[in-house]
Structures are given as C-alpha cells and as structure tokens.
Amino acid sequence: MEISKGLIVKSIAGKDVGKFFVVFDYDDKEVVISDGKKRPIEHMKKKNKKHISLTTKRLNERSMETNREIRKALNELIRA
C-alpha cells in the first residue's frame, strides 16, 4: 500500500510508539501526521517514513477538518 492523504498509520518508533495518526502530507522521506490531541492540526508532527506502519484504513476529507473529528474517527476505527 502507498502513503496518501487521509491514511491512518501507526507509530513504530519514538515517544509516540503504538499510537495512531492520520497522514496530512508526505514526501520521499517524511510524513506530516496528526492525532487531533497531542499533535493537533495546528502543531502537526513530521515523522520519518521508516518509523511508521501503514494500515488499510483511511479517513475521508470531511473527517479531517477539525481536531475533534480526527479524534472521533480514530477512536471509532481503532475500536472496530
């Protein structure tokens, strides 16, 4: 699977290991991610592609508009 905007990824290295995030932007080496809580949209995190694991789940554009919607969508998808 290839990285794209809206893809849900899991951190496999760093302080946030085991947490899920949504991809907002990406390039050859890094992705820009947010979880809507510790890393809100206003302070997104750059993370090396080597330090994330891709999932098959994706959020639609509407679910990525606010921090509250991101948190809600991530919680629903993780629990499912």
N, C-alpha and C. Protein backbone atom coordinates (compact mmCIF):
# COMPACT_ATOMS: atom_id res chain seq x y z
N MET A 1 0.84 -1.18 0.00
CA MET A 1 0.00 0.00 0.00
C MET A 1 0.89 1.24 0.00
N GLU A 2 0.42 2.27 -0.61
CA GLU A 2 1.17 3.51 -0.74
C GLU A 2 0.61 4.58 0.19
N ILE A 3 1.46 5.46 0.65
CA ILE A 3 1.04 6.55 1.54
C ILE A 3 0.26 7.58 0.74
N SER A 4 -0.84 8.04 1.34
CA SER A 4 -1.65 9.10 0.74
C SER A 4 -2.34 9.88 1.84
N LYS A 5 -2.86 11.03 1.50
CA LYS A 5 -3.54 11.87 2.47
C LYS A 5 -4.77 11.14 3.01
N GLY A 6 -4.92 11.15 4.33
CA GLY A 6 -6.07 10.50 4.96
C GLY A 6 -5.79 9.10 5.46
N LEU A 7 -4.65 8.53 5.08
CA LEU A 7 -4.30 7.18 5.51
C LEU A 7 -4.01 7.18 7.01
N ILE A 8 -4.47 6.16 7.70
CA ILE A 8 -4.18 6.01 9.12
C ILE A 8 -2.92 5.17 9.25
N VAL A 9 -1.97 5.67 10.05
CA VAL A 9 -0.70 4.98 10.26
C VAL A 9 -0.47 4.78 11.75
N LYS A 10 0.38 3.82 12.07
CA LYS A 10 0.74 3.53 13.45
C LYS A 10 2.22 3.83 13.64
N SER A 11 2.55 4.52 14.72
CA SER A 11 3.94 4.83 15.02
C SER A 11 4.64 3.58 15.56
N ILE A 12 5.83 3.29 15.02
CA ILE A 12 6.58 2.13 15.48
C ILE A 12 7.92 2.52 16.11
N ALA A 13 8.18 3.83 16.24
CA ALA A 13 9.42 4.30 16.87
C ALA A 13 9.19 5.70 17.44
N GLY A 14 9.92 6.01 18.50
CA GLY A 14 9.84 7.33 19.11
C GLY A 14 8.97 7.34 20.35
N LYS A 15 8.74 8.53 20.90
CA LYS A 15 7.94 8.68 22.12
C LYS A 15 6.49 8.25 21.93
N ASP A 16 6.01 8.34 20.70
CA ASP A 16 4.60 8.05 20.41
C ASP A 16 4.38 6.64 19.87
N VAL A 17 5.29 5.71 20.16
CA VAL A 17 5.19 4.35 19.64
C VAL A 17 3.85 3.71 20.04
N GLY A 18 3.21 3.06 19.06
CA GLY A 18 1.94 2.39 19.30
C GLY A 18 0.72 3.24 19.07
N LYS A 19 0.87 4.53 18.85
CA LYS A 19 -0.27 5.43 18.65
C LYS A 19 -0.61 5.55 17.17
N PHE A 20 -1.87 5.86 16.91
CA PHE A 20 -2.36 6.00 15.54
C PHE A 20 -2.46 7.47 15.16
N PHE A 21 -2.18 7.76 13.90
CA PHE A 21 -2.20 9.12 13.37
C PHE A 21 -2.81 9.11 11.98
N VAL A 22 -3.18 10.31 11.51
CA VAL A 22 -3.69 10.49 10.15
C VAL A 22 -2.65 11.26 9.35
N VAL A 23 -2.38 10.82 8.13
CA VAL A 23 -1.41 11.49 7.26
C VAL A 23 -2.07 12.70 6.59
N PHE A 24 -1.41 13.85 6.69
CA PHE A 24 -1.89 15.06 6.04
C PHE A 24 -1.05 15.44 4.83
N ASP A 25 0.23 15.12 4.88
CA ASP A 25 1.12 15.43 3.77
C ASP A 25 2.29 14.44 3.82
N TYR A 26 3.00 14.32 2.72
CA TYR A 26 4.13 13.39 2.68
C TYR A 26 5.06 13.76 1.54
N ASP A 27 6.29 13.31 1.66
CA ASP A 27 7.27 13.43 0.57
C ASP A 27 8.09 12.15 0.55
N ASP A 28 9.26 12.20 -0.05
CA ASP A 28 10.07 10.99 -0.21
C ASP A 28 10.53 10.38 1.11
N LYS A 29 10.81 11.22 2.11
CA LYS A 29 11.38 10.72 3.35
C LYS A 29 10.48 10.86 4.57
N GLU A 30 9.58 11.84 4.59
CA GLU A 30 8.80 12.14 5.78
C GLU A 30 7.31 12.21 5.50
N VAL A 31 6.55 12.04 6.58
CA VAL A 31 5.11 12.26 6.52
C VAL A 31 4.76 13.31 7.57
N VAL A 32 3.69 14.05 7.34
CA VAL A 32 3.19 15.02 8.31
C VAL A 32 1.90 14.42 8.86
N ILE A 33 1.87 14.21 10.19
CA ILE A 33 0.77 13.48 10.80
C ILE A 33 0.14 14.26 11.95
N SER A 34 -1.10 13.88 12.28
CA SER A 34 -1.83 14.48 13.39
C SER A 34 -2.72 13.43 14.02
N ASP A 35 -2.91 13.53 15.35
CA ASP A 35 -3.86 12.66 16.03
C ASP A 35 -5.02 13.44 16.62
N GLY A 36 -5.01 14.76 16.46
CA GLY A 36 -6.10 15.59 16.95
C GLY A 36 -6.04 15.88 18.43
N LYS A 37 -5.09 15.29 19.15
CA LYS A 37 -4.98 15.51 20.58
C LYS A 37 -3.60 16.04 20.94
N LYS A 38 -2.63 15.15 21.11
CA LYS A 38 -1.28 15.60 21.45
C LYS A 38 -0.64 16.32 20.26
N ARG A 39 -0.95 15.86 19.07
CA ARG A 39 -0.47 16.51 17.85
C ARG A 39 -1.68 17.02 17.06
N PRO A 40 -2.21 18.20 17.45
CA PRO A 40 -3.38 18.74 16.75
C PRO A 40 -3.00 19.27 15.36
N ILE A 41 -4.00 19.65 14.62
CA ILE A 41 -3.80 20.17 13.27
C ILE A 41 -2.87 21.39 13.28
N GLU A 42 -2.96 22.19 14.32
CA GLU A 42 -2.15 23.41 14.40
C GLU A 42 -0.67 23.11 14.65
N HIS A 43 -0.34 21.94 15.19
CA HIS A 43 1.05 21.57 15.50
C HIS A 43 1.33 20.14 15.06
N MET A 44 1.17 19.89 13.78
CA MET A 44 1.37 18.54 13.26
C MET A 44 2.83 18.13 13.37
N LYS A 45 3.06 16.83 13.34
CA LYS A 45 4.39 16.26 13.53
C LYS A 45 4.94 15.73 12.21
N LYS A 46 6.21 16.01 11.97
CA LYS A 46 6.91 15.38 10.85
C LYS A 46 7.54 14.10 11.39
N LYS A 47 7.36 13.00 10.67
CA LYS A 47 7.90 11.73 11.11
C LYS A 47 8.51 11.01 9.93
N ASN A 48 9.64 10.38 10.16
CA ASN A 48 10.34 9.62 9.13
C ASN A 48 9.46 8.44 8.70
N LYS A 49 9.40 8.18 7.40
CA LYS A 49 8.59 7.07 6.89
C LYS A 49 9.02 5.73 7.47
N LYS A 50 10.27 5.60 7.83
CA LYS A 50 10.77 4.34 8.40
C LYS A 50 10.16 4.07 9.77
N HIS A 51 9.63 5.10 10.41
CA HIS A 51 9.13 4.98 11.78
C HIS A 51 7.62 4.83 11.88
N ILE A 52 6.97 4.53 10.76
CA ILE A 52 5.52 4.31 10.78
C ILE A 52 5.18 2.99 10.10
N SER A 53 4.03 2.46 10.48
CA SER A 53 3.49 1.26 9.86
C SER A 53 2.16 1.63 9.22
N LEU A 54 1.97 1.26 7.98
CA LEU A 54 0.75 1.60 7.26
C LEU A 54 -0.39 0.67 7.66
N THR A 55 -1.60 1.21 7.67
CA THR A 55 -2.79 0.40 7.87
C THR A 55 -3.59 0.42 6.58
N THR A 56 -4.67 -0.30 6.54
CA THR A 56 -5.53 -0.31 5.35
C THR A 56 -6.69 0.66 5.51
N LYS A 57 -6.75 1.36 6.64
CA LYS A 57 -7.87 2.26 6.92
C LYS A 57 -7.53 3.68 6.49
N ARG A 58 -8.57 4.40 6.11
CA ARG A 58 -8.41 5.76 5.58
C ARG A 58 -9.57 6.63 6.06
N LEU A 59 -9.28 7.90 6.32
CA LEU A 59 -10.32 8.87 6.66
C LEU A 59 -10.66 9.69 5.44
N ASN A 60 -11.92 10.07 5.34
CA ASN A 60 -12.31 10.94 4.24
C ASN A 60 -11.97 12.40 4.58
N GLU A 61 -12.01 13.26 3.62
CA GLU A 61 -11.65 14.67 3.81
C GLU A 61 -12.48 15.34 4.90
N ARG A 62 -13.75 14.98 4.97
CA ARG A 62 -14.65 15.60 5.95
C ARG A 62 -14.25 15.27 7.38
N SER A 63 -13.73 14.08 7.60
CA SER A 63 -13.32 13.65 8.94
C SER A 63 -11.99 14.26 9.36
N MET A 64 -11.36 15.02 8.48
CA MET A 64 -10.05 15.59 8.77
C MET A 64 -10.09 17.11 8.93
N GLU A 65 -11.27 17.69 9.09
CA GLU A 65 -11.38 19.14 9.14
C GLU A 65 -11.05 19.74 10.50
N THR A 66 -11.40 19.06 11.59
CA THR A 66 -11.14 19.58 12.93
C THR A 66 -10.47 18.51 13.79
N ASN A 67 -9.85 18.96 14.87
CA ASN A 67 -9.21 18.02 15.80
C ASN A 67 -10.24 17.08 16.41
N ARG A 68 -11.40 17.59 16.74
CA ARG A 68 -12.46 16.77 17.33
C ARG A 68 -12.88 15.65 16.38
N GLU A 69 -13.04 15.97 15.11
CA GLU A 69 -13.44 14.96 14.12
C GLU A 69 -12.34 13.91 13.93
N ILE A 70 -11.09 14.33 13.97
CA ILE A 70 -9.97 13.39 13.85
C ILE A 70 -9.97 12.42 15.03
N ARG A 71 -10.07 12.97 16.25
CA ARG A 71 -10.09 12.11 17.45
C ARG A 71 -11.24 11.12 17.40
N LYS A 72 -12.41 11.61 17.03
CA LYS A 72 -13.59 10.75 16.98
C LYS A 72 -13.42 9.64 15.95
N ALA A 73 -12.95 9.99 14.77
CA ALA A 73 -12.76 9.00 13.70
C ALA A 73 -11.69 7.97 14.06
N LEU A 74 -10.59 8.41 14.64
CA LEU A 74 -9.53 7.50 15.05
C LEU A 74 -10.02 6.53 16.12
N ASN A 75 -10.75 7.05 17.10
CA ASN A 75 -11.29 6.18 18.15
C ASN A 75 -12.26 5.14 17.60
N GLU A 76 -13.11 5.54 16.67
CA GLU A 76 -14.06 4.60 16.08
C GLU A 76 -13.34 3.53 15.27
N LEU A 77 -12.36 3.91 14.49
CA LEU A 77 -11.65 2.95 13.66
C LEU A 77 -10.76 2.01 14.47
N ILE A 78 -10.18 2.52 15.54
CA ILE A 78 -9.31 1.68 16.37
C ILE A 78 -10.13 0.65 17.13
N ARG A 79 -11.30 1.04 17.59
CA ARG A 79 -12.15 0.12 18.36
C ARG A 79 -12.84 -0.92 17.49
N ALA A 80 -12.98 -0.61 16.20
CA ALA A 80 -13.68 -1.54 15.29
C ALA A 80 -12.89 -2.78 14.98
